[in-house]
Amino acid sequence: MIYAKKGAKMRLSDKKVLIAYFSWSGNTKYIAEKIKLKVGGDIFRIETKTPYPTDYNETAYGIAKKQHEENIHPELKDIGDVSNYDIIFIGTPAWWYTMAPPVMTFLESNNFEGKIIVPFVTHGGGGGYNIVEDIKRLSKNTSVLPPLIIYAKGNLNTDNEIDNWLNNIVF
């Protein structure tokens, strides 16, 4: 697959690509899988050692809110390994004005130095908040590209939105 901006083309197939994501409701997973179909690479699901409850209110207004307020970054089942990758797409739902705490743990647990990070965010109405700034803060000496921001799972135009986003970022 070739994506280009302003005449500069790059083959993503020439790079090692990882799509890492955390998904509680399935929305971020859905977008991660769409991105994988378009760019190839490997996919890694960020999972907490202790799963979040299935009840929305208990998760959103209980655990996730407490983690945000107290800056708690939960332990992961597997921290992953980004060392062999050039480009890492990082997907997160927007929770309490930033990324989900498990994504923070993932970022803190890996060395992203010299990597290209490509964020994608799913949200329930609040947009991307400060997620890109927070990713930059947690992953030093990286290149963080403009994010894809999608409401829920997107709509009938989501594939076109992803294509346009990929065509407008420079790897």
N, C-alpha and C. Protein backbone atom coordinates (compact mmCIF):
# COMPACT_ATOMS: atom_id res chain seq x y z
N MET A 1 0.84 -1.17 0.00
CA MET A 1 0.00 0.00 0.00
C MET A 1 0.89 1.23 0.00
N ILE A 2 0.55 2.22 -0.80
CA ILE A 2 1.31 3.46 -0.86
C ILE A 2 0.39 4.59 -0.40
N TYR A 3 0.88 5.39 0.51
CA TYR A 3 0.16 6.58 0.94
C TYR A 3 1.08 7.77 0.69
N ALA A 4 0.50 8.89 0.29
CA ALA A 4 1.33 10.03 -0.10
C ALA A 4 0.76 11.34 0.40
N LYS A 5 1.64 12.32 0.53
CA LYS A 5 1.24 13.69 0.82
C LYS A 5 2.21 14.61 0.11
N LYS A 6 1.69 15.57 -0.63
CA LYS A 6 2.51 16.57 -1.31
C LYS A 6 3.62 15.94 -2.14
N GLY A 7 3.31 14.88 -2.83
CA GLY A 7 4.26 14.27 -3.74
C GLY A 7 5.25 13.32 -3.10
N ALA A 8 5.34 13.30 -1.79
CA ALA A 8 6.27 12.37 -1.13
C ALA A 8 5.56 11.06 -0.88
N LYS A 9 6.04 10.00 -1.49
CA LYS A 9 5.39 8.70 -1.35
C LYS A 9 6.25 7.77 -0.53
N MET A 10 5.59 6.92 0.18
CA MET A 10 6.30 5.94 0.98
C MET A 10 5.52 4.64 0.95
N ARG A 11 6.23 3.57 0.79
CA ARG A 11 5.59 2.26 0.85
C ARG A 11 5.59 1.79 2.30
N LEU A 12 4.40 1.60 2.83
CA LEU A 12 4.33 1.07 4.18
C LEU A 12 4.84 -0.36 4.21
N SER A 13 4.79 -1.04 3.08
CA SER A 13 5.28 -2.42 3.03
C SER A 13 6.79 -2.47 3.23
N ASP A 14 7.48 -1.33 3.08
CA ASP A 14 8.92 -1.27 3.32
C ASP A 14 9.24 -1.08 4.80
N LYS A 15 8.23 -0.90 5.61
CA LYS A 15 8.41 -0.63 7.04
C LYS A 15 7.72 -1.72 7.86
N LYS A 16 8.24 -1.95 9.06
CA LYS A 16 7.58 -2.85 10.00
C LYS A 16 6.51 -2.06 10.73
N VAL A 17 5.26 -2.50 10.59
CA VAL A 17 4.12 -1.77 11.13
C VAL A 17 3.45 -2.60 12.22
N LEU A 18 3.12 -1.91 13.32
CA LEU A 18 2.36 -2.50 14.40
C LEU A 18 1.12 -1.65 14.64
N ILE A 19 -0.01 -2.31 14.80
CA ILE A 19 -1.24 -1.63 15.22
C ILE A 19 -1.53 -2.13 16.63
N ALA A 20 -1.31 -1.27 17.63
CA ALA A 20 -1.56 -1.61 19.03
C ALA A 20 -2.79 -0.82 19.48
N TYR A 21 -3.69 -1.47 20.18
CA TYR A 21 -4.91 -0.78 20.58
C TYR A 21 -5.45 -1.35 21.89
N PHE A 22 -6.18 -0.50 22.59
CA PHE A 22 -6.99 -0.93 23.73
C PHE A 22 -8.43 -0.64 23.36
N SER A 23 -9.31 -1.60 23.65
CA SER A 23 -10.72 -1.41 23.34
C SER A 23 -11.57 -2.02 24.44
N TRP A 24 -12.43 -1.22 25.03
CA TRP A 24 -13.35 -1.74 26.04
C TRP A 24 -14.67 -2.14 25.39
N SER A 25 -15.22 -1.27 24.56
CA SER A 25 -16.55 -1.51 23.97
C SER A 25 -16.50 -2.24 22.63
N GLY A 26 -15.34 -2.28 22.01
CA GLY A 26 -15.21 -2.88 20.68
C GLY A 26 -15.02 -1.85 19.58
N ASN A 27 -15.27 -0.57 19.86
CA ASN A 27 -15.13 0.47 18.84
C ASN A 27 -13.69 0.63 18.36
N THR A 28 -12.76 0.71 19.28
CA THR A 28 -11.36 0.90 18.90
C THR A 28 -10.82 -0.34 18.20
N LYS A 29 -11.26 -1.51 18.64
CA LYS A 29 -10.86 -2.75 17.97
C LYS A 29 -11.34 -2.74 16.52
N TYR A 30 -12.56 -2.32 16.31
CA TYR A 30 -13.15 -2.26 14.97
C TYR A 30 -12.30 -1.38 14.04
N ILE A 31 -11.92 -0.20 14.53
CA ILE A 31 -11.11 0.72 13.73
C ILE A 31 -9.71 0.15 13.53
N ALA A 32 -9.14 -0.47 14.56
CA ALA A 32 -7.80 -1.08 14.45
C ALA A 32 -7.79 -2.13 13.35
N GLU A 33 -8.83 -2.94 13.30
CA GLU A 33 -8.90 -3.99 12.27
C GLU A 33 -9.04 -3.40 10.88
N LYS A 34 -9.78 -2.30 10.75
CA LYS A 34 -9.89 -1.63 9.45
C LYS A 34 -8.53 -1.07 9.01
N ILE A 35 -7.81 -0.47 9.96
CA ILE A 35 -6.49 0.06 9.63
C ILE A 35 -5.56 -1.07 9.21
N LYS A 36 -5.59 -2.18 9.91
CA LYS A 36 -4.74 -3.32 9.57
C LYS A 36 -5.01 -3.80 8.15
N LEU A 37 -6.28 -3.84 7.76
CA LEU A 37 -6.62 -4.25 6.39
C LEU A 37 -6.03 -3.31 5.36
N LYS A 38 -5.89 -2.04 5.72
CA LYS A 38 -5.39 -1.05 4.77
C LYS A 38 -3.87 -0.95 4.74
N VAL A 39 -3.20 -1.14 5.90
CA VAL A 39 -1.75 -0.93 5.94
C VAL A 39 -0.95 -2.19 6.18
N GLY A 40 -1.63 -3.28 6.54
CA GLY A 40 -0.91 -4.51 6.84
C GLY A 40 -0.27 -4.43 8.21
N GLY A 41 0.78 -5.20 8.41
CA GLY A 41 1.47 -5.19 9.69
C GLY A 41 0.89 -6.17 10.68
N ASP A 42 1.36 -6.05 11.89
CA ASP A 42 0.92 -6.90 12.99
C ASP A 42 -0.07 -6.13 13.85
N ILE A 43 -0.87 -6.88 14.59
CA ILE A 43 -1.83 -6.24 15.49
C ILE A 43 -1.60 -6.76 16.90
N PHE A 44 -1.73 -5.85 17.88
CA PHE A 44 -1.51 -6.20 19.28
C PHE A 44 -2.62 -5.56 20.10
N ARG A 45 -3.33 -6.39 20.84
CA ARG A 45 -4.39 -5.89 21.71
C ARG A 45 -3.81 -5.63 23.09
N ILE A 46 -3.92 -4.40 23.54
CA ILE A 46 -3.49 -4.01 24.88
C ILE A 46 -4.59 -4.45 25.85
N GLU A 47 -4.23 -5.33 26.80
CA GLU A 47 -5.21 -5.85 27.74
C GLU A 47 -4.70 -5.71 29.17
N THR A 48 -5.60 -5.37 30.06
CA THR A 48 -5.24 -5.26 31.46
C THR A 48 -5.22 -6.63 32.11
N LYS A 49 -4.36 -6.77 33.12
CA LYS A 49 -4.28 -8.02 33.86
C LYS A 49 -5.63 -8.30 34.54
N THR A 50 -6.23 -7.25 35.11
CA THR A 50 -7.56 -7.36 35.70
C THR A 50 -8.53 -6.69 34.73
N PRO A 51 -9.41 -7.47 34.11
CA PRO A 51 -10.33 -6.88 33.12
C PRO A 51 -11.27 -5.84 33.75
N TYR A 52 -11.65 -4.89 32.92
CA TYR A 52 -12.65 -3.91 33.35
C TYR A 52 -14.01 -4.59 33.40
N PRO A 53 -14.90 -4.11 34.27
CA PRO A 53 -16.26 -4.67 34.30
C PRO A 53 -16.97 -4.45 32.97
N THR A 54 -17.95 -5.27 32.68
CA THR A 54 -18.72 -5.11 31.45
C THR A 54 -19.77 -4.02 31.56
N ASP A 55 -20.10 -3.62 32.79
CA ASP A 55 -21.09 -2.57 33.00
C ASP A 55 -20.46 -1.21 32.70
N TYR A 56 -21.09 -0.44 31.81
CA TYR A 56 -20.56 0.85 31.39
C TYR A 56 -20.37 1.81 32.57
N ASN A 57 -21.40 2.00 33.37
CA ASN A 57 -21.32 2.95 34.48
C ASN A 57 -20.24 2.57 35.48
N GLU A 58 -20.13 1.29 35.78
CA GLU A 58 -19.11 0.83 36.72
C GLU A 58 -17.71 1.09 36.18
N THR A 59 -17.54 0.88 34.88
CA THR A 59 -16.24 1.12 34.26
C THR A 59 -15.97 2.61 34.10
N ALA A 60 -16.88 3.32 33.43
CA ALA A 60 -16.64 4.73 33.10
C ALA A 60 -16.64 5.64 34.32
N TYR A 61 -17.65 5.51 35.16
CA TYR A 61 -17.79 6.43 36.29
C TYR A 61 -17.20 5.90 37.58
N GLY A 62 -16.72 4.68 37.54
CA GLY A 62 -16.09 4.09 38.70
C GLY A 62 -14.60 3.96 38.48
N ILE A 63 -14.21 2.86 37.89
CA ILE A 63 -12.79 2.52 37.75
C ILE A 63 -12.02 3.49 36.86
N ALA A 64 -12.52 3.77 35.66
CA ALA A 64 -11.79 4.65 34.73
C ALA A 64 -11.66 6.06 35.30
N LYS A 65 -12.71 6.56 35.93
CA LYS A 65 -12.65 7.89 36.53
C LYS A 65 -11.62 7.93 37.65
N LYS A 66 -11.62 6.92 38.51
CA LYS A 66 -10.66 6.85 39.61
C LYS A 66 -9.23 6.76 39.06
N GLN A 67 -9.02 5.93 38.04
CA GLN A 67 -7.68 5.81 37.45
C GLN A 67 -7.22 7.16 36.90
N HIS A 68 -8.13 7.88 36.27
CA HIS A 68 -7.79 9.19 35.74
C HIS A 68 -7.45 10.17 36.86
N GLU A 69 -8.31 10.25 37.83
CA GLU A 69 -8.12 11.21 38.92
C GLU A 69 -6.87 10.93 39.75
N GLU A 70 -6.53 9.66 39.92
CA GLU A 70 -5.39 9.29 40.76
C GLU A 70 -4.16 8.91 39.96
N ASN A 71 -4.23 9.12 38.64
CA ASN A 71 -3.11 8.82 37.74
C ASN A 71 -2.63 7.37 37.88
N ILE A 72 -3.59 6.46 37.93
CA ILE A 72 -3.30 5.03 38.04
C ILE A 72 -3.21 4.44 36.63
N HIS A 73 -2.12 3.76 36.36
CA HIS A 73 -1.95 3.10 35.07
C HIS A 73 -1.91 1.60 35.36
N PRO A 74 -2.97 0.88 34.97
CA PRO A 74 -3.12 -0.52 35.37
C PRO A 74 -2.07 -1.45 34.76
N GLU A 75 -1.83 -2.54 35.46
CA GLU A 75 -0.91 -3.55 34.98
C GLU A 75 -1.51 -4.25 33.76
N LEU A 76 -0.66 -4.56 32.80
CA LEU A 76 -1.11 -5.22 31.57
C LEU A 76 -0.80 -6.71 31.60
N LYS A 77 -1.59 -7.49 30.87
CA LYS A 77 -1.30 -8.92 30.70
C LYS A 77 0.06 -9.10 30.04
N ASP A 78 0.35 -8.25 29.06
CA ASP A 78 1.57 -8.31 28.27
C ASP A 78 1.88 -6.88 27.84
N ILE A 79 3.09 -6.40 28.11
CA ILE A 79 3.41 -5.02 27.75
C ILE A 79 3.71 -4.87 26.26
N GLY A 80 3.84 -5.98 25.54
CA GLY A 80 4.16 -5.90 24.13
C GLY A 80 5.64 -5.61 23.92
N ASP A 81 6.04 -5.56 22.67
CA ASP A 81 7.43 -5.28 22.33
C ASP A 81 7.43 -4.52 21.01
N VAL A 82 7.78 -3.24 21.07
CA VAL A 82 7.76 -2.41 19.88
C VAL A 82 9.13 -2.30 19.22
N SER A 83 10.13 -2.97 19.77
CA SER A 83 11.51 -2.77 19.34
C SER A 83 11.74 -3.08 17.86
N ASN A 84 11.00 -4.00 17.28
CA ASN A 84 11.23 -4.38 15.89
C ASN A 84 10.38 -3.61 14.89
N TYR A 85 9.66 -2.59 15.35
CA TYR A 85 8.73 -1.87 14.49
C TYR A 85 9.21 -0.45 14.21
N ASP A 86 8.90 0.03 12.99
CA ASP A 86 9.23 1.40 12.59
C ASP A 86 8.06 2.35 12.84
N ILE A 87 6.87 1.86 12.53
CA ILE A 87 5.65 2.66 12.63
C ILE A 87 4.68 1.94 13.55
N ILE A 88 4.21 2.66 14.57
CA ILE A 88 3.27 2.06 15.51
C ILE A 88 1.99 2.89 15.53
N PHE A 89 0.92 2.31 15.05
CA PHE A 89 -0.40 2.91 15.18
C PHE A 89 -0.87 2.58 16.60
N ILE A 90 -1.32 3.58 17.33
CA ILE A 90 -1.79 3.37 18.70
C ILE A 90 -3.23 3.83 18.81
N GLY A 91 -4.10 2.88 19.14
CA GLY A 91 -5.52 3.17 19.25
C GLY A 91 -6.02 3.18 20.67
N THR A 92 -6.86 4.15 20.97
CA THR A 92 -7.41 4.28 22.31
C THR A 92 -8.80 4.91 22.25
N PRO A 93 -9.66 4.52 23.17
CA PRO A 93 -10.87 5.30 23.36
C PRO A 93 -10.51 6.56 24.16
N ALA A 94 -11.27 7.62 23.99
CA ALA A 94 -11.09 8.82 24.81
C ALA A 94 -11.84 8.60 26.12
N TRP A 95 -11.09 8.61 27.20
CA TRP A 95 -11.66 8.43 28.54
C TRP A 95 -11.24 9.59 29.42
N TRP A 96 -12.16 10.31 29.95
CA TRP A 96 -11.89 11.39 30.88
C TRP A 96 -10.84 12.36 30.34
N TYR A 97 -11.06 12.81 29.12
CA TYR A 97 -10.27 13.88 28.48
C TYR A 97 -8.88 13.45 28.03
N THR A 98 -8.61 12.16 28.04
CA THR A 98 -7.32 11.68 27.56
C THR A 98 -7.48 10.23 27.09
N MET A 99 -6.36 9.56 26.88
CA MET A 99 -6.38 8.16 26.46
C MET A 99 -6.74 7.25 27.64
N ALA A 100 -7.16 6.05 27.34
CA ALA A 100 -7.46 5.07 28.38
C ALA A 100 -6.18 4.74 29.15
N PRO A 101 -6.26 4.58 30.48
CA PRO A 101 -5.07 4.29 31.28
C PRO A 101 -4.24 3.09 30.81
N PRO A 102 -4.84 2.00 30.29
CA PRO A 102 -3.99 0.91 29.81
C PRO A 102 -3.06 1.33 28.67
N VAL A 103 -3.48 2.30 27.87
CA VAL A 103 -2.61 2.78 26.78
C VAL A 103 -1.44 3.57 27.38
N MET A 104 -1.71 4.29 28.46
CA MET A 104 -0.62 4.98 29.15
C MET A 104 0.41 3.97 29.66
N THR A 105 -0.06 2.88 30.24
CA THR A 105 0.85 1.84 30.72
C THR A 105 1.67 1.28 29.56
N PHE A 106 1.04 1.02 28.44
CA PHE A 106 1.72 0.51 27.25
C PHE A 106 2.82 1.48 26.80
N LEU A 107 2.49 2.77 26.76
CA LEU A 107 3.47 3.77 26.34
C LEU A 107 4.63 3.86 27.32
N GLU A 108 4.33 3.83 28.61
CA GLU A 108 5.38 3.91 29.63
C GLU A 108 6.25 2.66 29.69
N SER A 109 5.72 1.54 29.25
CA SER A 109 6.42 0.26 29.39
C SER A 109 7.29 -0.09 28.19
N ASN A 110 7.24 0.70 27.15
CA ASN A 110 8.00 0.42 25.93
C ASN A 110 8.89 1.61 25.58
N ASN A 111 9.93 1.34 24.81
CA ASN A 111 10.83 2.38 24.34
C ASN A 111 10.45 2.70 22.89
N PHE A 112 9.93 3.90 22.70
CA PHE A 112 9.48 4.32 21.37
C PHE A 112 10.49 5.24 20.69
N GLU A 113 11.65 5.40 21.25
CA GLU A 113 12.65 6.31 20.70
C GLU A 113 12.93 5.99 19.23
N GLY A 114 12.83 7.02 18.39
CA GLY A 114 13.09 6.87 16.96
C GLY A 114 11.94 6.27 16.17
N LYS A 115 10.85 5.97 16.81
CA LYS A 115 9.69 5.37 16.14
C LYS A 115 8.75 6.46 15.64
N ILE A 116 7.88 6.08 14.73
CA ILE A 116 6.79 6.94 14.28
C ILE A 116 5.52 6.41 14.92
N ILE A 117 4.83 7.26 15.67
CA ILE A 117 3.57 6.88 16.30
C ILE A 117 2.42 7.55 15.56
N VAL A 118 1.43 6.74 15.25
CA VAL A 118 0.26 7.24 14.52
C VAL A 118 -0.98 6.95 15.38
N PRO A 119 -1.48 7.96 16.09
CA PRO A 119 -2.62 7.74 16.99
C PRO A 119 -3.96 7.64 16.25
N PHE A 120 -4.83 6.82 16.82
CA PHE A 120 -6.23 6.85 16.39
C PHE A 120 -7.10 6.74 17.63
N VAL A 121 -8.16 7.52 17.63
CA VAL A 121 -8.99 7.71 18.82
C VAL A 121 -10.45 7.48 18.47
N THR A 122 -11.13 6.70 19.31
CA THR A 122 -12.58 6.59 19.22
C THR A 122 -13.16 7.32 20.42
N HIS A 123 -14.32 7.91 20.24
CA HIS A 123 -14.90 8.69 21.33
C HIS A 123 -16.42 8.64 21.26
N GLY A 124 -17.04 9.06 22.36
CA GLY A 124 -18.49 9.07 22.45
C GLY A 124 -19.08 10.45 22.36
N GLY A 125 -18.31 11.41 21.86
CA GLY A 125 -18.84 12.75 21.67
C GLY A 125 -17.88 13.85 22.07
N GLY A 126 -16.77 13.50 22.69
CA GLY A 126 -15.85 14.53 23.16
C GLY A 126 -14.68 14.81 22.25
N GLY A 127 -14.47 14.01 21.24
CA GLY A 127 -13.36 14.23 20.34
C GLY A 127 -12.05 13.68 20.85
N GLY A 128 -10.96 14.29 20.43
CA GLY A 128 -9.63 13.78 20.74
C GLY A 128 -8.99 14.33 21.99
N TYR A 129 -9.62 15.35 22.60
CA TYR A 129 -9.09 15.95 23.83
C TYR A 129 -7.60 16.24 23.72
N ASN A 130 -6.82 15.85 24.72
CA ASN A 130 -5.37 16.11 24.77
C ASN A 130 -4.57 14.85 24.48
N ILE A 131 -5.15 13.91 23.79
CA ILE A 131 -4.52 12.61 23.63
C ILE A 131 -3.18 12.69 22.90
N VAL A 132 -3.11 13.45 21.84
CA VAL A 132 -1.84 13.55 21.09
C VAL A 132 -0.75 14.16 21.98
N GLU A 133 -1.08 15.21 22.71
CA GLU A 133 -0.10 15.83 23.60
C GLU A 133 0.36 14.83 24.68
N ASP A 134 -0.59 14.05 25.19
CA ASP A 134 -0.24 13.06 26.21
C ASP A 134 0.63 11.94 25.64
N ILE A 135 0.36 11.54 24.42
CA ILE A 135 1.21 10.53 23.77
C ILE A 135 2.63 11.07 23.60
N LYS A 136 2.74 12.32 23.17
CA LYS A 136 4.07 12.93 23.02
C LYS A 136 4.81 12.98 24.35
N ARG A 137 4.10 13.30 25.41
CA ARG A 137 4.70 13.39 26.74
C ARG A 137 5.20 12.03 27.23
N LEU A 138 4.46 10.96 26.91
CA LEU A 138 4.80 9.63 27.40
C LEU A 138 5.75 8.85 26.49
N SER A 139 5.99 9.35 25.30
CA SER A 139 6.87 8.63 24.37
C SER A 139 7.91 9.61 23.83
N LYS A 140 8.99 9.72 24.52
CA LYS A 140 10.05 10.70 24.19
C LYS A 140 10.79 10.30 22.91
N ASN A 141 11.28 11.34 22.23
CA ASN A 141 12.10 11.17 21.02
C ASN A 141 11.42 10.35 19.94
N THR A 142 10.15 10.65 19.74
CA THR A 142 9.38 9.99 18.68
C THR A 142 8.79 11.05 17.77
N SER A 143 8.27 10.59 16.68
CA SER A 143 7.52 11.43 15.77
C SER A 143 6.06 11.01 15.92
N VAL A 144 5.21 11.91 16.39
CA VAL A 144 3.79 11.60 16.56
C VAL A 144 3.02 12.33 15.47
N LEU A 145 2.37 11.55 14.63
CA LEU A 145 1.66 12.10 13.48
C LEU A 145 0.24 12.51 13.86
N PRO A 146 -0.43 13.27 12.99
CA PRO A 146 -1.81 13.69 13.28
C PRO A 146 -2.73 12.48 13.46
N PRO A 147 -3.67 12.58 14.41
CA PRO A 147 -4.52 11.43 14.72
C PRO A 147 -5.73 11.30 13.81
N LEU A 148 -6.26 10.10 13.78
CA LEU A 148 -7.59 9.85 13.24
C LEU A 148 -8.52 9.88 14.45
N ILE A 149 -9.58 10.66 14.36
CA ILE A 149 -10.54 10.76 15.46
C ILE A 149 -11.90 10.36 14.92
N ILE A 150 -12.46 9.30 15.49
CA ILE A 150 -13.71 8.71 14.99
C ILE A 150 -14.73 8.63 16.11
N TYR A 151 -15.93 9.05 15.83
CA TYR A 151 -17.03 8.90 16.78
C TYR A 151 -17.48 7.44 16.76
N ALA A 152 -17.45 6.79 17.91
CA ALA A 152 -17.87 5.38 18.08
C ALA A 152 -17.14 4.48 17.08
N LYS A 153 -17.89 3.77 16.23
CA LYS A 153 -17.28 2.92 15.20
C LYS A 153 -17.26 3.62 13.85
N GLY A 154 -17.64 4.87 13.85
CA GLY A 154 -17.71 5.59 12.60
C GLY A 154 -19.06 5.42 11.95
N ASN A 155 -19.10 5.64 10.66
CA ASN A 155 -20.36 5.56 9.91
C ASN A 155 -20.10 4.94 8.54
N LEU A 156 -20.99 5.15 7.62
CA LEU A 156 -20.82 4.57 6.28
C LEU A 156 -19.61 5.13 5.55
N ASN A 157 -19.09 6.24 6.03
CA ASN A 157 -17.97 6.91 5.39
C ASN A 157 -16.62 6.59 6.05
N THR A 158 -16.61 5.70 7.03
CA THR A 158 -15.40 5.46 7.82
C THR A 158 -14.23 4.98 6.98
N ASP A 159 -14.46 4.09 6.04
CA ASP A 159 -13.35 3.63 5.19
C ASP A 159 -12.73 4.79 4.43
N ASN A 160 -13.56 5.69 3.91
CA ASN A 160 -13.04 6.87 3.20
C ASN A 160 -12.30 7.79 4.15
N GLU A 161 -12.81 7.96 5.37
CA GLU A 161 -12.13 8.80 6.37
C GLU A 161 -10.74 8.24 6.68
N ILE A 162 -10.66 6.92 6.83
CA ILE A 162 -9.36 6.30 7.12
C ILE A 162 -8.42 6.48 5.93
N ASP A 163 -8.92 6.25 4.72
CA ASP A 163 -8.08 6.44 3.52
C ASP A 163 -7.59 7.87 3.42
N ASN A 164 -8.47 8.84 3.62
CA ASN A 164 -8.08 10.26 3.54
C ASN A 164 -7.04 10.60 4.60
N TRP A 165 -7.25 10.10 5.80
CA TRP A 165 -6.29 10.33 6.89
C TRP A 165 -4.92 9.75 6.51
N LEU A 166 -4.89 8.52 6.03
CA LEU A 166 -3.63 7.89 5.66
C LEU A 166 -2.96 8.63 4.51
N ASN A 167 -3.75 9.13 3.59
CA ASN A 167 -3.19 9.86 2.46
C ASN A 167 -2.66 11.24 2.84
N ASN A 168 -3.12 11.78 3.97
CA ASN A 168 -2.73 13.12 4.38
C ASN A 168 -1.67 13.16 5.46
N ILE A 169 -1.17 12.02 5.87
CA ILE A 169 -0.07 12.04 6.83
C ILE A 169 1.20 11.58 6.14
N VAL A 170 2.30 12.15 6.55
CA VAL A 170 3.59 11.81 5.96
C VAL A 170 4.33 10.90 6.90
N PHE A 171 4.62 9.72 6.40
CA PHE A 171 5.42 8.78 7.19
C PHE A 171 6.87 9.09 6.93
